[in-house]
């Protein structure tokens, strides 16, 4: 009986561990974020891509930039003084948020920057 329990327990434990790892690594594409924003709402994810535009207004505590990962563009809101320039290859990590939902569609989907890494080409 103990041998039978061990035979089933080991694969079950392995499956649980692997699914836990899959949940810990949140690296969806921009297209996936836009297609299913509710799945990632208030969750931390990372996006790799190229900065297509960046802007800020003096005296305001935040700056904005867009990252394109090849599947679409996502707006990133940064509250730090460090904002990448157009053409920079970056990996940005942050919390997925939206301004509102209207008719089942996400309005103002963006990433609140927590960490920013510049990648080498």
Protein backbone atom coordinates (compact mmCIF):
# COMPACT_ATOMS: atom_id res chain seq x y z
CA UNK A 1 0.00 0.00 0.00
CA UNK A 2 2.81 2.43 0.90
CA UNK A 3 4.54 1.67 -2.40
CA UNK A 4 1.36 2.50 -4.34
CA UNK A 5 0.98 5.83 -2.51
CA UNK A 6 4.61 6.68 -3.28
CA UNK A 7 4.11 5.78 -6.94
CA UNK A 8 1.29 8.34 -7.27
CA UNK A 9 2.62 10.95 -4.83
CA UNK A 10 5.92 11.59 -6.64
CA UNK A 11 4.40 12.48 -10.05
CA UNK A 12 1.68 14.52 -8.35
CA UNK A 13 4.26 16.49 -6.35
CA UNK A 14 6.31 17.08 -9.50
CA UNK A 15 3.25 18.33 -11.40
CA UNK A 16 2.31 20.68 -8.54
CA UNK A 17 5.85 22.04 -8.38
CA UNK A 18 6.02 22.66 -12.13
CA UNK A 19 2.65 24.41 -12.22
CA UNK A 20 3.77 26.59 -9.32
CA UNK A 21 6.86 27.58 -11.31
CA UNK A 22 4.71 28.45 -14.30
CA UNK A 23 2.62 30.78 -12.15
CA UNK A 24 5.72 32.40 -10.64
CA UNK A 25 7.17 33.26 -14.06
CA UNK A 26 4.85 35.85 -15.51
CA UNK A 27 6.23 36.87 -18.86
CA UNK A 28 3.20 37.24 -21.16
CA UNK A 29 3.31 38.96 -24.52
CA UNK A 30 1.69 42.37 -24.94
CA UNK A 31 -0.91 40.73 -27.17
CA UNK A 32 -1.82 38.34 -24.33
CA UNK A 33 -2.09 41.23 -21.87
CA UNK A 34 -4.43 43.10 -24.22
CA UNK A 35 -6.47 40.01 -25.11
CA UNK A 36 -6.98 38.90 -21.51
CA UNK A 37 -6.34 41.89 -19.20
CA UNK A 38 -8.48 40.55 -16.35
CA UNK A 39 -6.17 37.56 -15.93
CA UNK A 40 -3.22 39.86 -15.21
CA UNK A 41 -5.00 42.72 -13.41
CA UNK A 42 -2.98 43.80 -10.33
CA UNK A 43 -0.36 41.11 -11.02
CA UNK A 44 3.33 41.72 -11.59
CA UNK A 45 4.63 40.78 -15.04
CA UNK A 46 7.67 41.60 -17.15
CA UNK A 47 7.76 42.66 -20.78
CA UNK A 48 10.79 42.71 -23.11
CA UNK A 49 10.78 45.06 -26.06
CA UNK A 50 11.85 48.25 -27.75
CA UNK A 51 10.80 51.69 -26.58
CA UNK A 52 8.81 53.33 -29.37
CA UNK A 53 8.13 56.67 -27.66
CA UNK A 54 8.62 58.34 -24.29
CA UNK A 55 7.40 61.58 -22.82
CA UNK A 56 6.92 63.43 -19.58
CA UNK A 57 5.77 66.80 -18.36
CA UNK A 58 8.09 68.81 -16.12
CA UNK A 59 6.98 69.12 -12.50
CA UNK A 60 4.69 66.06 -12.74
CA UNK A 61 5.79 63.01 -10.72
CA UNK A 62 5.36 60.48 -13.54
CA UNK A 63 6.54 59.85 -17.05
CA UNK A 64 5.16 57.60 -19.79
CA UNK A 65 6.71 55.44 -22.46
CA UNK A 66 5.57 52.72 -24.85
CA UNK A 67 7.22 49.32 -25.26
CA UNK A 68 6.70 47.13 -28.35
CA UNK A 69 7.53 43.43 -27.97
CA UNK A 70 6.63 42.53 -31.56
CA UNK A 71 3.05 41.55 -30.70
CA UNK A 72 1.84 45.04 -29.78
CA UNK A 73 2.55 48.19 -27.78
CA UNK A 74 1.97 48.72 -24.08
CA UNK A 75 2.11 52.00 -22.18
CA UNK A 76 4.36 52.03 -19.11
CA UNK A 77 3.93 54.58 -16.31
CA UNK A 78 7.14 55.43 -14.45
CA UNK A 79 7.32 57.39 -11.22
CA UNK A 80 11.11 57.35 -11.12
CA UNK A 81 13.31 59.85 -12.91
CA UNK A 82 14.80 57.13 -15.13
CA UNK A 83 12.93 56.84 -18.43
CA UNK A 84 14.37 55.08 -21.47
CA UNK A 85 14.75 56.87 -24.77
CA UNK A 86 13.21 55.84 -28.08
CA UNK A 87 14.92 52.78 -29.55
CA UNK A 88 16.20 51.40 -26.23
CA UNK A 89 15.86 47.64 -25.69
CA UNK A 90 14.38 47.12 -22.23
CA UNK A 91 12.87 44.62 -19.85
CA UNK A 92 10.31 46.33 -17.68
CA UNK A 93 8.68 44.70 -14.67
CA UNK A 94 5.55 46.10 -13.12
CA UNK A 95 1.95 45.76 -12.07
CA UNK A 96 -0.74 45.51 -14.75
CA UNK A 97 -3.48 48.10 -14.33
CA UNK A 98 -6.19 49.83 -16.34
CA UNK A 99 -8.01 53.11 -16.07
CA UNK A 100 -11.46 51.62 -16.68
CA UNK A 101 -13.46 48.87 -18.36
CA UNK A 102 -16.22 49.85 -20.77
CA UNK A 103 -18.40 47.34 -22.59
CA UNK A 104 -16.07 44.53 -21.60
CA UNK A 105 -13.08 46.31 -23.16
CA UNK A 106 -10.07 47.53 -21.24
CA UNK A 107 -9.43 51.27 -21.47
CA UNK A 108 -6.05 52.63 -20.54
CA UNK A 109 -4.28 49.31 -20.02
CA UNK A 110 -0.79 50.06 -18.72
CA UNK A 111 2.07 48.74 -16.66
CA UNK A 112 3.09 50.55 -13.47
CA UNK A 113 6.88 50.28 -13.58
CA UNK A 114 8.59 48.61 -10.61
CA UNK A 115 11.92 47.72 -12.22
CA UNK A 116 13.65 48.62 -15.47
CA UNK A 117 16.62 46.87 -17.08
CA UNK A 118 18.33 47.94 -20.27
CA UNK A 119 19.22 45.03 -22.54
CA UNK A 120 22.17 44.76 -24.88
CA UNK A 121 21.35 44.37 -28.54
